[in-house]
Amino acid sequence: MHLTRLCLLHDSFPTRHHYPFSLEIFRKTDCIGFSRPVTFFIGENGTGKSTLLTAIARKSGIHIWEEHQRGRYHGNPYEDDLYRYITLEGDCGEVRGSFFASEIFRHFAEILDEWAVADPESLRYFGNASLLERSHGQSHMTFFENRFRIPGLYLLDEPENALSPRMQLELLRLFRRFTATEKVQFIIATHSPILLAYPDADIYSFDIVPVRKVAYEETEYFRIYRDFLNNRERYLEDL
C-alpha cells in the first residue's frame, strides 16, 4: 500500500474562518486509515472530499494538471493550503501516480497533443492517438487503461463524469485487474452507486462528523437508487 494512514493536524490550522479550515469535518477528524487497494470518499458537494483528495496529491508530490487562468483572483489565501496540515504514512513520500478530475482532463489532453508534435512517442502510452479524437467517455477510459499499468497511487475525483453505466462497470473491471498486482492503489471521490459497489472497498462518508467508514448499503446513493427503481411511481408523484 502506498498510503496507509492520513492524519489532520487540526490543532495547527492557520485559521478557523476560511475554507477549507472552516469545515467541521476537518476540525474534528483526526486520522483516516487505508487498508485496502480501493477506498472511496463520499458526501455532498462542499463537504471536503475533493479538497482532501487534492491535498493528498500535493503532499505526495503527484502533479495536478491545472489550467491556470490569467488574472484569476484568489480571494481566499488558504484555499490550497490543506496539504501543509496533513501527514501521510506509507510509501508515499514521493510516489508515482496520477490525479484525475474530469474538469482538468481536457487541459491534460491538449498538453499531450502539444508534446506529440515534437515527440510522437508520447502518445504511445495512450493508444497511439490523440485523446481529443475520441468521445469524452472513450478518452477517459483510454487514459485509465493505459495509465493504471504504471504502479502508483491514483487519486480520482468523480471519474464517473462522462462515463455511461456500462463504462462505469468497465472501470470497475480495471480496478480489479490492476489492484491484483498489489502495486496500484486507488482513492476515489464519487457519487456513483455503481462504483461504490466495488467489492472489498472501504467507503468513508464526509456527511458524518468526524469522517467514518460506512457499509455500501448504508450510503444514501444505494438507498435512493434502490428505492427509486423499486417504486419510481411514488417518487414521480411527488414532483
Protein backbone atom coordinates (compact mmCIF):
# COMPACT_ATOMS: atom_id res chain seq x y z
CA MET A 1 0.00 0.00 0.00
CA HIS A 2 1.38 3.39 -0.97
CA LEU A 3 -0.77 5.23 1.59
CA THR A 4 -1.80 3.58 4.86
CA ARG A 5 -2.81 6.48 7.08
CA LEU A 6 -3.64 10.18 6.85
CA CYS A 7 -3.83 12.49 9.85
CA LEU A 8 -5.13 16.06 10.01
CA LEU A 9 -3.11 18.50 12.10
CA HIS A 10 -6.19 20.49 13.07
CA ASP A 11 -4.57 21.94 16.19
CA SER A 12 -2.16 23.74 13.85
CA PHE A 13 -4.72 25.06 11.35
CA PRO A 14 -3.85 28.67 10.44
CA THR A 15 -7.48 29.82 10.61
CA ARG A 16 -10.94 28.62 11.58
CA HIS A 17 -12.77 31.14 9.41
CA HIS A 18 -11.68 30.34 5.85
CA TYR A 19 -12.31 27.30 3.67
CA PRO A 20 -11.18 24.54 3.94
CA PHE A 21 -10.10 25.04 7.53
CA SER A 22 -13.58 26.24 8.47
CA LEU A 23 -15.07 22.81 7.70
CA GLU A 24 -16.12 20.97 10.84
CA ILE A 25 -15.23 17.67 9.17
CA PHE A 26 -11.53 18.65 9.07
CA ARG A 27 -11.51 20.22 12.52
CA LYS A 28 -12.96 17.09 14.17
CA THR A 29 -11.42 14.25 12.16
CA ASP A 30 -8.08 13.01 13.48
CA CYS A 31 -6.98 10.25 11.10
CA ILE A 32 -8.21 8.13 8.19
CA GLY A 33 -6.80 4.66 7.58
CA PHE A 34 -6.24 2.99 4.21
CA SER A 35 -6.04 -0.79 4.46
CA ARG A 36 -7.49 -1.79 1.07
CA PRO A 37 -6.39 -1.13 -2.51
CA VAL A 38 -9.62 0.80 -3.25
CA THR A 39 -11.04 3.50 -0.97
CA PHE A 40 -13.99 5.78 -1.67
CA PHE A 41 -14.78 9.23 -0.29
CA ILE A 42 -18.49 10.10 -0.42
CA GLY A 43 -20.57 13.09 0.64
CA GLU A 44 -22.50 16.06 -0.61
CA ASN A 45 -20.71 18.68 -2.69
CA GLY A 46 -18.81 21.06 -0.46
CA THR A 47 -18.13 18.54 2.31
CA GLY A 48 -14.39 18.50 1.58
CA LYS A 49 -13.82 15.12 -0.07
CA SER A 50 -12.33 16.56 -3.28
CA THR A 51 -10.33 19.09 -1.28
CA LEU A 52 -8.76 16.32 0.79
CA LEU A 53 -8.05 14.30 -2.35
CA THR A 54 -6.20 17.30 -3.79
CA ALA A 55 -4.26 17.75 -0.55
CA ILE A 56 -3.13 14.10 -0.70
CA ALA A 57 -1.87 14.66 -4.24
CA ARG A 58 0.10 17.76 -3.31
CA LYS A 59 1.56 16.17 -0.19
CA SER A 60 2.59 13.07 -2.19
CA GLY A 61 4.23 15.09 -4.95
CA ILE A 62 1.68 13.96 -7.54
CA HIS A 63 1.28 16.60 -10.23
CA ILE A 64 -2.13 18.17 -10.80
CA TRP A 65 -2.67 19.34 -14.38
CA GLU A 66 -4.38 22.61 -13.56
CA GLU A 67 -5.13 25.19 -16.20
CA HIS A 68 -4.10 28.47 -14.63
CA GLN A 69 -6.35 31.27 -15.70
CA ARG A 70 -4.75 34.64 -16.29
CA GLY A 71 -5.81 37.29 -13.86
CA ARG A 72 -7.67 34.84 -11.67
CA TYR A 73 -8.45 36.48 -8.36
CA HIS A 74 -7.87 34.40 -5.25
CA GLY A 75 -10.00 35.92 -2.52
CA ASN A 76 -9.13 33.09 -0.13
CA PRO A 77 -5.39 32.83 0.64
CA TYR A 78 -5.90 29.48 2.40
CA GLU A 79 -7.79 27.71 -0.39
CA ASP A 80 -4.92 25.44 -1.48
CA ASP A 81 -3.06 25.07 1.82
CA LEU A 82 -4.65 21.99 3.41
CA TYR A 83 -1.77 19.75 2.29
CA ARG A 84 0.53 21.66 4.64
CA TYR A 85 -1.54 20.46 7.59
CA ILE A 86 -1.81 16.73 6.93
CA THR A 87 0.63 13.88 7.48
CA LEU A 88 0.78 10.74 5.34
CA GLU A 89 2.08 7.33 6.34
CA GLY A 90 3.12 4.57 3.97
CA ASP A 91 5.32 4.51 0.89
CA CYS A 92 4.07 7.89 -0.23
CA GLY A 93 6.82 10.40 0.40
CA GLU A 94 7.21 10.94 -3.34
CA VAL A 95 5.28 8.29 -5.29
CA ARG A 96 4.38 7.72 -8.89
CA GLY A 97 0.74 8.10 -9.63
CA SER A 98 -1.80 10.47 -11.03
CA PHE A 99 -4.56 12.88 -10.03
CA PHE A 100 -7.62 12.78 -12.26
CA ALA A 101 -10.55 15.20 -12.36
CA SER A 102 -12.78 15.43 -15.41
CA GLU A 103 -12.78 19.24 -15.44
CA ILE A 104 -8.99 19.37 -15.91
CA PHE A 105 -8.67 16.28 -18.12
CA ARG A 106 -9.12 18.22 -21.37
CA HIS A 107 -6.26 20.52 -20.41
CA PHE A 108 -4.03 17.48 -19.92
CA ALA A 109 -5.12 16.05 -23.29
CA GLU A 110 -4.31 19.34 -25.03
CA ILE A 111 -0.84 19.43 -23.47
CA LEU A 112 -0.28 15.82 -24.53
CA ASP A 113 -1.10 16.77 -28.13
CA GLU A 114 1.40 19.63 -27.95
CA TRP A 115 4.09 17.23 -26.74
CA ALA A 116 3.24 14.80 -29.53
CA VAL A 117 4.12 17.39 -32.18
CA ALA A 118 7.75 17.20 -31.07
CA ASP A 119 7.67 13.64 -29.73
CA PRO A 120 5.02 11.37 -31.28
CA GLU A 121 6.18 8.60 -28.94
CA SER A 122 4.45 10.43 -26.06
CA LEU A 123 1.14 9.09 -27.40
CA ARG A 124 2.41 5.52 -27.16
CA TYR A 125 1.17 5.34 -23.58
CA PHE A 126 -2.36 6.37 -24.60
CA GLY A 127 -3.20 4.11 -27.54
CA ASN A 128 -1.01 5.94 -30.10
CA ALA A 129 -3.72 8.50 -30.83
CA SER A 130 -4.85 11.85 -29.51
CA LEU A 131 -7.23 11.61 -26.56
CA LEU A 132 -9.13 14.52 -28.10
CA GLU A 133 -10.06 12.42 -31.14
CA ARG A 134 -12.26 10.17 -29.02
CA SER A 135 -15.56 10.80 -27.28
CA HIS A 136 -15.36 12.21 -23.78
CA GLY A 137 -16.06 8.85 -22.16
CA GLN A 138 -13.79 6.90 -24.50
CA SER A 139 -10.90 9.29 -23.91
CA HIS A 140 -11.30 8.85 -20.15
CA MET A 141 -11.29 5.06 -20.42
CA THR A 142 -8.25 5.09 -22.73
CA PHE A 143 -6.41 7.24 -20.21
CA PHE A 144 -7.39 4.97 -17.31
CA GLU A 145 -6.48 1.71 -19.02
CA ASN A 146 -3.06 2.93 -20.11
CA ARG A 147 -2.15 4.97 -17.06
CA PHE A 148 -3.10 2.37 -14.44
CA ARG A 149 -0.50 -0.02 -15.86
CA ILE A 150 2.11 2.02 -14.01
CA PRO A 151 2.40 1.12 -10.29
CA GLY A 152 1.42 4.01 -8.07
CA LEU A 153 -1.22 5.92 -6.14
CA TYR A 154 -4.20 7.04 -8.22
CA LEU A 155 -6.47 9.80 -6.96
CA LEU A 156 -9.71 10.07 -8.92
CA ASP A 157 -12.16 12.93 -8.42
CA GLU A 158 -15.61 11.85 -9.67
CA PRO A 159 -14.31 9.68 -12.53
CA GLU A 160 -17.90 8.66 -13.36
CA ASN A 161 -18.49 12.02 -15.06
CA ALA A 162 -18.92 11.38 -18.80
CA LEU A 163 -18.98 7.60 -18.24
CA SER A 164 -22.10 5.64 -19.14
CA PRO A 165 -23.24 2.93 -16.70
CA ARG A 166 -21.61 0.35 -18.98
CA MET A 167 -18.32 2.25 -18.93
CA GLN A 168 -18.52 2.53 -15.15
CA LEU A 169 -18.71 -1.26 -14.99
CA GLU A 170 -15.67 -1.42 -17.24
CA LEU A 171 -13.87 0.93 -14.86
CA LEU A 172 -14.64 -1.50 -12.02
CA ARG A 173 -13.00 -4.24 -14.08
CA LEU A 174 -9.91 -2.06 -14.44
CA PHE A 175 -9.80 -1.58 -10.67
CA ARG A 176 -9.90 -5.36 -10.19
CA ARG A 177 -7.35 -6.00 -12.90
CA PHE A 178 -4.73 -3.54 -11.73
CA THR A 179 -5.09 -3.94 -7.96
CA ALA A 180 -4.35 -7.65 -8.44
CA THR A 181 -0.69 -6.68 -8.81
CA GLU A 182 -0.72 -5.15 -5.29
CA LYS A 183 1.25 -2.23 -6.72
CA VAL A 184 -1.67 0.06 -7.54
CA GLN A 185 -3.86 1.89 -5.02
CA PHE A 186 -6.96 3.98 -5.72
CA ILE A 187 -8.60 6.70 -3.63
CA ILE A 188 -11.76 7.92 -5.31
CA ALA A 189 -14.25 10.70 -4.58
CA THR A 190 -17.55 9.68 -6.15
CA HIS A 191 -21.34 9.93 -6.23
CA SER A 192 -21.75 6.75 -8.28
CA PRO A 193 -23.58 3.80 -6.70
CA ILE A 194 -22.09 1.59 -9.41
CA LEU A 195 -18.50 2.43 -8.49
CA LEU A 196 -19.27 2.23 -4.78
CA ALA A 197 -20.37 -1.38 -5.24
CA TYR A 198 -16.77 -2.45 -5.87
CA PRO A 199 -16.19 -5.47 -3.59
CA ASP A 200 -13.80 -5.22 -0.64
CA ALA A 201 -13.50 -1.43 -0.86
CA ASP A 202 -13.61 0.95 2.10
CA ILE A 203 -16.15 3.77 1.95
CA TYR A 204 -15.66 6.91 4.07
CA SER A 205 -18.58 9.30 4.48
CA PHE A 206 -17.88 13.03 4.68
CA ASP A 207 -21.52 13.64 5.61
CA ILE A 208 -20.72 12.36 9.11
CA VAL A 209 -18.57 14.27 11.60
CA PRO A 210 -15.93 13.03 12.13
CA VAL A 211 -15.37 11.12 8.89
CA ARG A 212 -16.24 7.46 9.38
CA LYS A 213 -16.35 4.23 7.46
CA VAL A 214 -19.79 3.06 6.24
CA ALA A 215 -21.16 -0.01 4.52
CA TYR A 216 -22.33 0.20 0.92
CA GLU A 217 -25.94 -0.45 1.93
CA GLU A 218 -25.77 2.47 4.40
CA THR A 219 -24.97 5.02 1.72
CA GLU A 220 -27.64 7.40 0.53
CA TYR A 221 -26.65 6.66 -3.05
CA PHE A 222 -27.54 2.98 -2.68
CA ARG A 223 -30.75 3.59 -0.75
CA ILE A 224 -32.16 6.29 -3.02
CA TYR A 225 -31.40 4.43 -6.26
CA ARG A 226 -32.77 1.18 -4.84
CA ASP A 227 -35.96 2.79 -3.59
CA PHE A 228 -36.48 4.74 -6.80
CA LEU A 229 -36.04 1.71 -9.05
CA ASN A 230 -38.32 -0.38 -6.85
CA ASN A 231 -41.07 2.24 -6.67
CA ARG A 232 -40.44 5.03 -9.14
CA GLU A 233 -44.14 5.89 -9.41
CA ARG A 234 -44.22 7.01 -5.78
CA TYR A 235 -41.21 9.28 -6.29
CA LEU A 236 -42.58 10.76 -9.51
CA GLU A 237 -45.92 11.53 -7.87
CA ASP A 238 -44.13 13.97 -5.58
CA LEU A 239 -42.63 16.05 -8.40
